C-alpha atoms as a PDB file:
ATOM      1  CA  UNK A   1     -65.733   9.598-100.841  1.00  0.00           C
ATOM      2  CA  UNK A   2     -64.242   7.531 -98.110  1.00  0.00           C
ATOM      3  CA  UNK A   3     -61.515   8.852 -95.561  1.00  0.00           C
ATOM      4  CA  UNK A   4     -59.065   7.188 -93.446  1.00  0.00           C
ATOM      5  CA  UNK A   5     -59.610   9.957 -90.698  1.00  0.00           C
ATOM      6  CA  UNK A   6     -62.082  12.804 -90.360  1.00  0.00           C
ATOM      7  CA  UNK A   7     -61.594  15.420 -87.670  1.00  0.00           C
ATOM      8  CA  UNK A   8     -64.755  17.175 -86.233  1.00  0.00           C
ATOM      9  CA  UNK A   9     -63.218  20.358 -84.746  1.00  0.00           C
ATOM     10  CA  UNK A  10     -60.083  22.079 -85.960  1.00  0.00           C
ATOM     11  CA  UNK A  11     -59.008  23.899 -82.968  1.00  0.00           C
ATOM     12  CA  UNK A  12     -55.660  23.899 -81.312  1.00  0.00           C
ATOM     13  CA  UNK A  13     -55.661  20.106 -80.442  1.00  0.00           C
ATOM     14  CA  UNK A  14     -57.670  19.083 -83.331  1.00  0.00           C
ATOM     15  CA  UNK A  15     -55.746  20.877 -85.904  1.00  0.00           C
ATOM     16  CA  UNK A  16     -52.480  19.665 -84.498  1.00  0.00           C
ATOM     17  CA  UNK A  17     -53.528  15.870 -84.678  1.00  0.00           C
ATOM     18  CA  UNK A  18     -54.857  16.480 -88.263  1.00  0.00           C
ATOM     19  CA  UNK A  19     -51.493  17.839 -89.198  1.00  0.00           C
ATOM     20  CA  UNK A  20     -49.855  14.536 -87.797  1.00  0.00           C
ATOM     21  CA  UNK A  21     -52.436  12.555 -89.627  1.00  0.00           C
ATOM     22  CA  UNK A  22     -51.729  14.399 -92.693  1.00  0.00           C
ATOM     23  CA  UNK A  23     -47.905  13.429 -92.577  1.00  0.00           C
ATOM     24  CA  UNK A  24     -48.796   9.675 -91.872  1.00  0.00           C
ATOM     25  CA  UNK A  25     -51.177   9.282 -94.573  1.00  0.00           C
ATOM     26  CA  UNK A  26     -52.369  10.482 -97.954  1.00  0.00           C
ATOM     27  CA  UNK A  27     -53.634  14.068 -97.175  1.00  0.00           C
ATOM     28  CA  UNK A  28     -56.648  13.499 -99.550  1.00  0.00           C
ATOM     29  CA  UNK A  29     -57.700  10.635 -97.052  1.00  0.00           C
ATOM     30  CA  UNK A  30     -57.936  13.239 -94.353  1.00  0.00           C
ATOM     31  CA  UNK A  31     -61.112  15.335 -93.730  1.00  0.00           C
ATOM     32  CA  UNK A  32     -61.565  18.462 -91.600  1.00  0.00           C
ATOM     33  CA  UNK A  33     -64.702  20.120 -90.432  1.00  0.00           C
ATOM     34  CA  UNK A  34     -65.323  22.640 -87.987  1.00  0.00           C
ATOM     35  CA  UNK A  35     -68.014  25.495 -87.040  1.00  0.00           C
ATOM     36  CA  UNK A  36     -65.271  28.115 -87.885  1.00  0.00           C
ATOM     37  CA  UNK A  37     -65.587  27.175 -91.570  1.00  0.00           C
ATOM     38  CA  UNK A  38     -62.766  29.600 -92.679  1.00  0.00           C
ATOM     39  CA  UNK A  39     -60.433  27.800 -90.003  1.00  0.00           C
ATOM     40  CA  UNK A  40     -61.321  24.467 -91.374  1.00  0.00           C
ATOM     41  CA  UNK A  41     -60.839  25.685 -95.142  1.00  0.00           C
ATOM     42  CA  UNK A  42     -57.365  27.184 -94.193  1.00  0.00           C
ATOM     43  CA  UNK A  43     -56.108  24.138 -92.547  1.00  0.00           C
ATOM     44  CA  UNK A  44     -57.385  21.886 -95.002  1.00  0.00           C
ATOM     45  CA  UNK A  45     -55.625  23.763 -97.714  1.00  0.00           C
ATOM     46  CA  UNK A  46     -52.320  23.919 -95.905  1.00  0.00           C
ATOM     47  CA  UNK A  47     -52.388  20.190 -95.426  1.00  0.00           C
ATOM     48  CA  UNK A  48     -53.826  19.218 -99.005  1.00  0.00           C
ATOM     49  CA  UNK A  49     -56.664  17.567 -96.916  1.00  0.00           C
ATOM     50  CA  UNK A  50     -60.356  17.613 -97.573  1.00  0.00           C
ATOM     51  CA  UNK A  51     -62.558  20.497 -96.253  1.00  0.00           C
ATOM     52  CA  UNK A  52     -66.010  19.092 -95.606  1.00  0.00           C
ATOM     53  CA  UNK A  53     -68.812  19.019 -92.986  1.00  0.00           C
ATOM     54  CA  UNK A  54     -69.850  16.928 -89.981  1.00  0.00           C
ATOM     55  CA  UNK A  55     -72.258  14.720 -91.808  1.00  0.00           C
ATOM     56  CA  UNK A  56     -69.754  13.759 -94.607  1.00  0.00           C
ATOM     57  CA  UNK A  57     -66.945  12.896 -92.002  1.00  0.00           C
ATOM     58  CA  UNK A  58     -69.550  10.756 -89.905  1.00  0.00           C
ATOM     59  CA  UNK A  59     -70.809   8.836 -92.887  1.00  0.00           C
ATOM     60  CA  UNK A  60     -67.353   8.177 -94.738  1.00  0.00           C
ATOM     61  CA  UNK A  61     -64.378   8.291 -92.253  1.00  0.00           C
ATOM     62  CA  UNK A  62     -63.007   5.165 -90.667  1.00  0.00           C
ATOM     63  CA  UNK A  63     -61.523   7.040 -87.768  1.00  0.00           C
ATOM     64  CA  UNK A  64     -63.853  10.037 -86.550  1.00  0.00           C
ATOM     65  CA  UNK A  65     -61.948  12.288 -84.180  1.00  0.00           C
ATOM     66  CA  UNK A  66     -64.402  14.248 -82.015  1.00  0.00           C
ATOM     67  CA  UNK A  67     -62.311  17.391 -81.274  1.00  0.00           C
ATOM     68  CA  UNK A  68     -65.131  19.156 -79.419  1.00  0.00           C
ATOM     69  CA  UNK A  69     -65.493  20.243 -75.772  1.00  0.00           C
ATOM     70  CA  UNK A  70     -67.040  17.898 -73.375  1.00  0.00           C
ATOM     71  CA  UNK A  71     -70.078  20.088 -72.953  1.00  0.00           C
ATOM     72  CA  UNK A  72     -70.689  20.053 -76.574  1.00  0.00           C
ATOM     73  CA  UNK A  73     -70.835  16.345 -76.973  1.00  0.00           C
ATOM     74  CA  UNK A  74     -74.575  15.787 -76.334  1.00  0.00           C
ATOM     75  CA  UNK A  75     -75.360  18.286 -78.928  1.00  0.00           C
ATOM     76  CA  UNK A  76     -72.952  16.776 -81.457  1.00  0.00           C
ATOM     77  CA  UNK A  77     -74.208  13.340 -80.875  1.00  0.00           C
ATOM     78  CA  UNK A  78     -77.732  14.419 -81.304  1.00  0.00           C
ATOM     79  CA  UNK A  79     -76.524  15.635 -84.825  1.00  0.00           C
ATOM     80  CA  UNK A  80     -74.408  12.715 -85.841  1.00  0.00           C
ATOM     81  CA  UNK A  81     -76.028   9.861 -84.271  1.00  0.00           C
ATOM     82  CA  UNK A  82     -78.605   9.077 -86.981  1.00  0.00           C
ATOM     83  CA  UNK A  83     -75.763   9.015 -89.417  1.00  0.00           C
ATOM     84  CA  UNK A  84     -73.963   6.622 -87.304  1.00  0.00           C
ATOM     85  CA  UNK A  85     -76.805   4.343 -86.939  1.00  0.00           C
ATOM     86  CA  UNK A  86     -77.124   3.883 -90.837  1.00  0.00           C
ATOM     87  CA  UNK A  87     -73.388   2.867 -91.250  1.00  0.00           C
ATOM     88  CA  UNK A  88     -72.822  -0.957 -92.068  1.00  0.00           C
ATOM     89  CA  UNK A  89     -68.981  -0.581 -92.412  1.00  0.00           C
ATOM     90  CA  UNK A  90     -66.649  -0.553 -89.414  1.00  0.00           C
ATOM     91  CA  UNK A  91     -65.741   2.982 -87.955  1.00  0.00           C
ATOM     92  CA  UNK A  92     -64.130   3.869 -84.875  1.00  0.00           C
ATOM     93  CA  UNK A  93     -65.045   6.808 -82.569  1.00  0.00           C
ATOM     94  CA  UNK A  94     -61.965   8.884 -81.373  1.00  0.00           C
ATOM     95  CA  UNK A  95     -62.656  11.160 -78.433  1.00  0.00           C
ATOM     96  CA  UNK A  96     -60.397  13.664 -76.971  1.00  0.00           C
ATOM     97  CA  UNK A  97     -62.891  15.146 -74.602  1.00  0.00           C
ATOM     98  CA  UNK A  98     -61.412  15.776 -71.242  1.00  0.00           C
ATOM     99  CA  UNK A  99     -62.860  13.816 -68.378  1.00  0.00           C
ATOM    100  CA  UNK A 100     -65.318  11.902 -70.473  1.00  0.00           C
ATOM    101  CA  UNK A 101     -65.325   8.000 -70.280  1.00  0.00           C
ATOM    102  CA  UNK A 102     -65.722   5.658 -73.158  1.00  0.00           C
ATOM    103  CA  UNK A 103     -68.978   4.778 -71.625  1.00  0.00           C
ATOM    104  CA  UNK A 104     -70.201   8.263 -71.529  1.00  0.00           C
ATOM    105  CA  UNK A 105     -69.184   8.681 -75.039  1.00  0.00           C
ATOM    106  CA  UNK A 106     -71.242   5.567 -75.969  1.00  0.00           C
ATOM    107  CA  UNK A 107     -74.097   6.683 -73.829  1.00  0.00           C
ATOM    108  CA  UNK A 108     -74.162  10.075 -75.786  1.00  0.00           C
ATOM    109  CA  UNK A 109     -74.106   8.086 -79.158  1.00  0.00           C
ATOM    110  CA  UNK A 110     -77.188   5.798 -77.722  1.00  0.00           C
ATOM    111  CA  UNK A 111     -75.134   2.493 -78.283  1.00  0.00           C
ATOM    112  CA  UNK A 112     -71.678   1.094 -77.855  1.00  0.00           C
ATOM    113  CA  UNK A 113     -69.541   1.733 -80.888  1.00  0.00           C
ATOM    114  CA  UNK A 114     -65.859   0.935 -81.067  1.00  0.00           C
ATOM    115  CA  UNK A 115     -64.250   3.913 -79.438  1.00  0.00           C
ATOM    116  CA  UNK A 116     -60.714   4.968 -78.687  1.00  0.00           C
ATOM    117  CA  UNK A 117     -60.383   7.733 -75.834  1.00  0.00           C
ATOM    118  CA  UNK A 118     -57.246   9.874 -76.237  1.00  0.00           C
ATOM    119  CA  UNK A 119     -55.639  12.551 -74.174  1.00  0.00           C
ATOM    120  CA  UNK A 120     -53.050  14.445 -76.163  1.00  0.00           C
ATOM    121  CA  UNK A 121     -50.742  17.380 -74.809  1.00  0.00           C
ATOM    122  CA  UNK A 122     -50.048  20.655 -76.752  1.00  0.00           C
ATOM    123  CA  UNK A 123     -46.536  19.562 -77.669  1.00  0.00           C
ATOM    124  CA  UNK A 124     -48.175  17.308 -80.533  1.00  0.00           C
ATOM    125  CA  UNK A 125     -48.276  20.554 -82.554  1.00  0.00           C
ATOM    126  CA  UNK A 126     -44.472  20.246 -83.135  1.00  0.00           C
ATOM    127  CA  UNK A 127     -44.507  16.365 -83.190  1.00  0.00           C
ATOM    128  CA  UNK A 128     -43.028  15.894 -79.798  1.00  0.00           C
ATOM    129  CA  UNK A 129     -46.339  15.430 -77.751  1.00  0.00           C
ATOM    130  CA  UNK A 130     -47.745  12.529 -75.529  1.00  0.00           C
ATOM    131  CA  UNK A 131     -50.984  10.909 -76.636  1.00  0.00           C
ATOM    132  CA  UNK A 132     -52.425   8.576 -73.766  1.00  0.00           C
ATOM    133  CA  UNK A 133     -55.053   6.511 -75.288  1.00  0.00           C
ATOM    134  CA  UNK A 134     -57.403   3.552 -74.193  1.00  0.00           C
ATOM    135  CA  UNK A 135     -60.116   1.707 -76.171  1.00  0.00           C
ATOM    136  CA  UNK A 136     -62.958  -0.581 -75.722  1.00  0.00           C
ATOM    137  CA  UNK A 137     -63.070  -4.213 -76.720  1.00  0.00           C
ATOM    138  CA  UNK A 138     -64.943  -3.643 -79.956  1.00  0.00           C
ATOM    139  CA  UNK A 139     -62.234  -1.199 -81.259  1.00  0.00           C
ATOM    140  CA  UNK A 140     -59.913  -4.330 -81.696  1.00  0.00           C
ATOM    141  CA  UNK A 141     -56.315  -3.808 -82.851  1.00  0.00           C
ATOM    142  CA  UNK A 142     -55.144  -0.076 -82.372  1.00  0.00           C
ATOM    143  CA  UNK A 143     -52.095  -0.527 -84.717  1.00  0.00           C
ATOM    144  CA  UNK A 144     -53.643   1.400 -87.487  1.00  0.00           C
ATOM    145  CA  UNK A 145     -54.656   4.146 -85.181  1.00  0.00           C
ATOM    146  CA  UNK A 146     -51.179   4.491 -83.500  1.00  0.00           C
ATOM    147  CA  UNK A 147     -49.674   4.537 -87.122  1.00  0.00           C
ATOM    148  CA  UNK A 148     -52.017   7.455 -88.115  1.00  0.00           C
ATOM    149  CA  UNK A 149     -50.633   9.517 -85.055  1.00  0.00           C
ATOM    150  CA  UNK A 150     -47.211   8.487 -85.104  1.00  0.00           C
ATOM    151  CA  UNK A 151     -45.928  12.021 -86.046  1.00  0.00           C
ATOM    152  CA  UNK A 152     -47.724  13.551 -83.151  1.00  0.00           C
ATOM    153  CA  UNK A 153     -45.156  12.198 -80.669  1.00  0.00           C
ATOM    154  CA  UNK A 154     -45.162   9.259 -78.065  1.00  0.00           C
ATOM    155  CA  UNK A 155     -48.450   7.278 -77.869  1.00  0.00           C
ATOM    156  CA  UNK A 156     -49.001   5.346 -74.776  1.00  0.00           C
ATOM    157  CA  UNK A 157     -51.694   2.824 -74.108  1.00  0.00           C
ATOM    158  CA  UNK A 158     -52.911   2.533 -70.533  1.00  0.00           C
ATOM    159  CA  UNK A 159     -56.126   1.476 -68.423  1.00  0.00           C
ATOM    160  CA  UNK A 160     -58.827   3.866 -68.459  1.00  0.00           C
ATOM    161  CA  UNK A 161     -58.719   4.003 -64.780  1.00  0.00           C
ATOM    162  CA  UNK A 162     -55.282   5.740 -65.039  1.00  0.00           C
ATOM    163  CA  UNK A 163     -56.035   8.323 -67.905  1.00  0.00           C
ATOM    164  CA  UNK A 164     -57.188  11.175 -65.589  1.00  0.00           C
ATOM    165  CA  UNK A 165     -54.322  11.089 -63.523  1.00  0.00           C
ATOM    166  CA  UNK A 166     -51.956  10.366 -66.287  1.00  0.00           C
ATOM    167  CA  UNK A 167     -53.444  13.438 -68.272  1.00  0.00           C
ATOM    168  CA  UNK A 168     -53.025  15.759 -65.267  1.00  0.00           C
ATOM    169  CA  UNK A 169     -49.069  14.962 -65.514  1.00  0.00           C
ATOM    170  CA  UNK A 170     -48.874  15.150 -69.113  1.00  0.00           C
ATOM    171  CA  UNK A 171     -51.509  17.386 -69.988  1.00  0.00           C
ATOM    172  CA  UNK A 172     -51.257  20.119 -67.606  1.00  0.00           C
ATOM    173  CA  UNK A 173     -47.508  19.784 -66.760  1.00  0.00           C
ATOM    174  CA  UNK A 174     -46.508  21.916 -69.983  1.00  0.00           C
ATOM    175  CA  UNK A 175     -47.863  24.864 -68.518  1.00  0.00           C
ATOM    176  CA  UNK A 176     -45.851  24.421 -65.331  1.00  0.00           C
ATOM    177  CA  UNK A 177     -42.838  23.622 -67.335  1.00  0.00           C
ATOM    178  CA  UNK A 178     -43.253  26.938 -69.288  1.00  0.00           C
ATOM    179  CA  UNK A 179     -43.557  28.870 -66.004  1.00  0.00           C
ATOM    180  CA  UNK A 180     -40.182  27.024 -65.000  1.00  0.00           C
ATOM    181  CA  UNK A 181     -38.229  27.761 -68.204  1.00  0.00           C
ATOM    182  CA  UNK A 182     -39.763  31.557 -67.791  1.00  0.00           C
ATOM    183  CA  UNK A 183     -38.407  31.610 -64.192  1.00  0.00           C
ATOM    184  CA  UNK A 184     -35.038  30.126 -65.191  1.00  0.00           C
ATOM    185  CA  UNK A 185     -34.623  32.698 -67.880  1.00  0.00           C
ATOM    186  CA  UNK A 186     -35.709  35.628 -65.573  1.00  0.00           C
ATOM    187  CA  UNK A 187     -33.036  34.401 -63.088  1.00  0.00           C
ATOM    188  CA  UNK A 188     -30.444  34.633 -65.920  1.00  0.00           C
ATOM    189  CA  UNK A 189     -31.547  38.156 -66.698  1.00  0.00           C
ATOM    190  CA  UNK A 190     -31.534  39.166 -62.976  1.00  0.00           C
ATOM    191  CA  UNK A 191     -27.892  37.900 -62.973  1.00  0.00           C
ATOM    192  CA  UNK A 192     -27.152  40.370 -66.136  1.00  0.00           C
ATOM    193  CA  UNK A 193     -27.708  37.865 -69.327  1.00  0.00           C
ATOM    194  CA  UNK A 194     -29.722  39.018 -72.265  1.00  0.00           C
ATOM    195  CA  UNK A 195     -33.026  37.742 -72.200  1.00  0.00           C
ATOM    196  CA  UNK A 196     -32.830  36.030 -75.645  1.00  0.00           C
ATOM    197  CA  UNK A 197     -29.658  33.962 -74.455  1.00  0.00           C
ATOM    198  CA  UNK A 198     -31.310  33.423 -71.071  1.00  0.00           C
ATOM    199  CA  UNK A 199     -34.411  31.787 -72.530  1.00  0.00           C
ATOM    200  CA  UNK A 200     -32.398  29.734 -75.105  1.00  0.00           C
ATOM    201  CA  UNK A 201     -30.085  28.407 -72.280  1.00  0.00           C
ATOM    202  CA  UNK A 202     -32.958  27.520 -70.183  1.00  0.00           C
ATOM    203  CA  UNK A 203     -34.811  25.730 -72.984  1.00  0.00           C
ATOM    204  CA  UNK A 204     -31.678  23.743 -74.119  1.00  0.00           C
ATOM    205  CA  UNK A 205     -31.047  22.830 -70.607  1.00  0.00           C
ATOM    206  CA  UNK A 206     -34.255  21.593 -70.034  1.00  0.00           C
ATOM    207  CA  UNK A 207     -34.348  19.443 -73.320  1.00  0.00           C
ATOM    208  CA  UNK A 208     -30.767  18.239 -72.529  1.00  0.00           C
ATOM    209  CA  UNK A 209     -31.663  17.224 -69.057  1.00  0.00           C
ATOM    210  CA  UNK A 210     -34.921  15.418 -69.956  1.00  0.00           C
ATOM    211  CA  UNK A 211     -33.048  13.406 -72.785  1.00  0.00           C
ATOM    212  CA  UNK A 212     -30.371  12.312 -70.259  1.00  0.00           C
ATOM    213  CA  UNK A 213     -32.991  11.076 -67.910  1.00  0.00           C
ATOM    214  CA  UNK A 214     -34.671   9.201 -70.665  1.00  0.00           C
ATOM    215  CA  UNK A 215     -31.411   7.754 -72.257  1.00  0.00           C
ATOM    216  CA  UNK A 216     -29.383   6.967 -69.343  1.00  0.00           C
ATOM    217  CA  UNK A 217     -31.964   4.993 -67.369  1.00  0.00           C
ATOM    218  CA  UNK A 218     -30.522   6.896 -64.382  1.00  0.00           C
ATOM    219  CA  UNK A 219     -32.789   8.078 -61.474  1.00  0.00           C
ATOM    220  CA  UNK A 220     -33.246  11.940 -61.719  1.00  0.00           C
ATOM    221  CA  UNK A 221     -32.104  12.206 -58.181  1.00  0.00           C
ATOM    222  CA  UNK A 222     -28.741  10.398 -58.962  1.00  0.00           C
ATOM    223  CA  UNK A 223     -28.268  12.724 -61.945  1.00  0.00           C
ATOM    224  CA  UNK A 224     -29.003  15.590 -59.624  1.00  0.00           C
ATOM    225  CA  UNK A 225     -26.341  14.301 -57.137  1.00  0.00           C
ATOM    226  CA  UNK A 226     -23.931  14.123 -59.930  1.00  0.00           C
ATOM    227  CA  UNK A 227     -24.255  17.847 -60.565  1.00  0.00           C
ATOM    228  CA  UNK A 228     -23.896  18.784 -56.943  1.00  0.00           C
ATOM    229  CA  UNK A 229     -20.256  19.126 -55.967  1.00  0.00           C
ATOM    230  CA  UNK A 230     -19.611  19.406 -52.111  1.00  0.00           C
ATOM    231  CA  UNK A 231     -20.005  22.989 -51.161  1.00  0.00           C
ATOM    232  CA  UNK A 232     -20.411  24.240 -54.812  1.00  0.00           C
ATOM    233  CA  UNK A 233     -22.951  26.469 -56.523  1.00  0.00           C
ATOM    234  CA  UNK A 234     -25.574  23.952 -57.696  1.00  0.00           C
ATOM    235  CA  UNK A 235     -26.152  22.561 -54.182  1.00  0.00           C
ATOM    236  CA  UNK A 236     -26.547  26.080 -53.130  1.00  0.00           C
ATOM    237  CA  UNK A 237     -29.395  26.389 -55.466  1.00  0.00           C
ATOM    238  CA  UNK A 238     -30.940  23.172 -54.697  1.00  0.00           C
ATOM    239  CA  UNK A 239     -31.028  24.468 -51.044  1.00  0.00           C
ATOM    240  CA  UNK A 240     -32.857  27.571 -52.174  1.00  0.00           C
ATOM    241  CA  UNK A 241     -35.441  25.486 -53.932  1.00  0.00           C
ATOM    242  CA  UNK A 242     -36.037  23.186 -51.161  1.00  0.00           C
ATOM    243  CA  UNK A 243     -36.212  26.043 -48.722  1.00  0.00           C
ATOM    244  CA  UNK A 244     -39.124  27.128 -50.739  1.00  0.00           C
ATOM    245  CA  UNK A 245     -40.810  23.825 -51.127  1.00  0.00           C
ATOM    246  CA  UNK A 246     -39.917  23.249 -54.679  1.00  0.00           C
ATOM    247  CA  UNK A 247     -40.739  19.589 -54.928  1.00  0.00           C
ATOM    248  CA  UNK A 248     -43.817  19.732 -52.663  1.00  0.00           C
ATOM    249  CA  UNK A 249     -45.170  22.640 -54.516  1.00  0.00           C
ATOM    250  CA  UNK A 250     -44.872  20.582 -57.900  1.00  0.00           C
ATOM    251  CA  UNK A 251     -46.511  17.626 -56.227  1.00  0.00           C
ATOM    252  CA  UNK A 252     -49.279  19.918 -55.067  1.00  0.00           C
ATOM    253  CA  UNK A 253     -49.728  21.016 -58.670  1.00  0.00           C
ATOM    254  CA  UNK A 254     -50.257  17.591 -60.095  1.00  0.00           C
ATOM    255  CA  UNK A 255     -52.607  16.790 -57.150  1.00  0.00           C
ATOM    256  CA  UNK A 256     -54.638  19.872 -57.473  1.00  0.00           C
ATOM    257  CA  UNK A 257     -55.235  19.392 -61.188  1.00  0.00           C
ATOM    258  CA  UNK A 258     -56.329  15.748 -60.419  1.00  0.00           C
ATOM    259  CA  UNK A 259     -58.633  16.843 -57.683  1.00  0.00           C
ATOM    260  CA  UNK A 260     -60.145  19.399 -60.241  1.00  0.00           C
ATOM    261  CA  UNK A 261     -60.613  16.572 -62.750  1.00  0.00           C
ATOM    262  CA  UNK A 262     -62.493  14.432 -60.200  1.00  0.00           C
ATOM    263  CA  UNK A 263     -64.678  17.400 -59.317  1.00  0.00           C
ATOM    264  CA  UNK A 264     -65.355  18.130 -62.821  1.00  0.00           C
ATOM    265  CA  UNK A 265     -66.786  14.532 -63.238  1.00  0.00           C
ATOM    266  CA  UNK A 266     -69.239  15.148 -60.387  1.00  0.00           C
END
């Protein structure tokens, strides 16, 4: 049986992307495999997709999503490369391995295959993620690929030399944003709000503010100024944040994640 997309690895990210693909295409054209067969069976059943194994996906899927950790790629390709070599139809490898270039993927595979490299973030699990991607020339038109993942969130194509820096912003920032939401809620609780309400207000304020930046086209600094009345409560809070190096600390977080990525490559 031929598949539009096959997912090798049904972890948090692979599973989330499989869910998005099953919304965009006939679930019977989506195949899922994982070392944890119970997890793969459960996900396949919930989506109406096909539970199978690596060999079947590598032999029959047009888009082969490699949802394994970077350190597992060498062993995976030792298993699947002989099957890939026998294929005469077009297929495309889709790697989500952090810090692993298209060239490295093809080196593991033993030859240059059509390859797309993606870096998704965790909000793809609710259809509100960012999927950064780049492709080698042999991958050709990526319109079908982006259509498969359209329900994951925003897809953005950029040069591979920018992927690592961009993924440090999009991939790591959800953790920092969750910390910010938690801190806002804690501040509300400190001032007497019930925690459930404080958490909801913090989340809604963040979503609304981000939406306003996106839809208004205004610089966030200008929007910040519009909230800050002279001698008011907001500017007092801004001063407290600046006194504790809020913006500098956030910039350092992005920079630290990027430096770590570069060190991992070494």
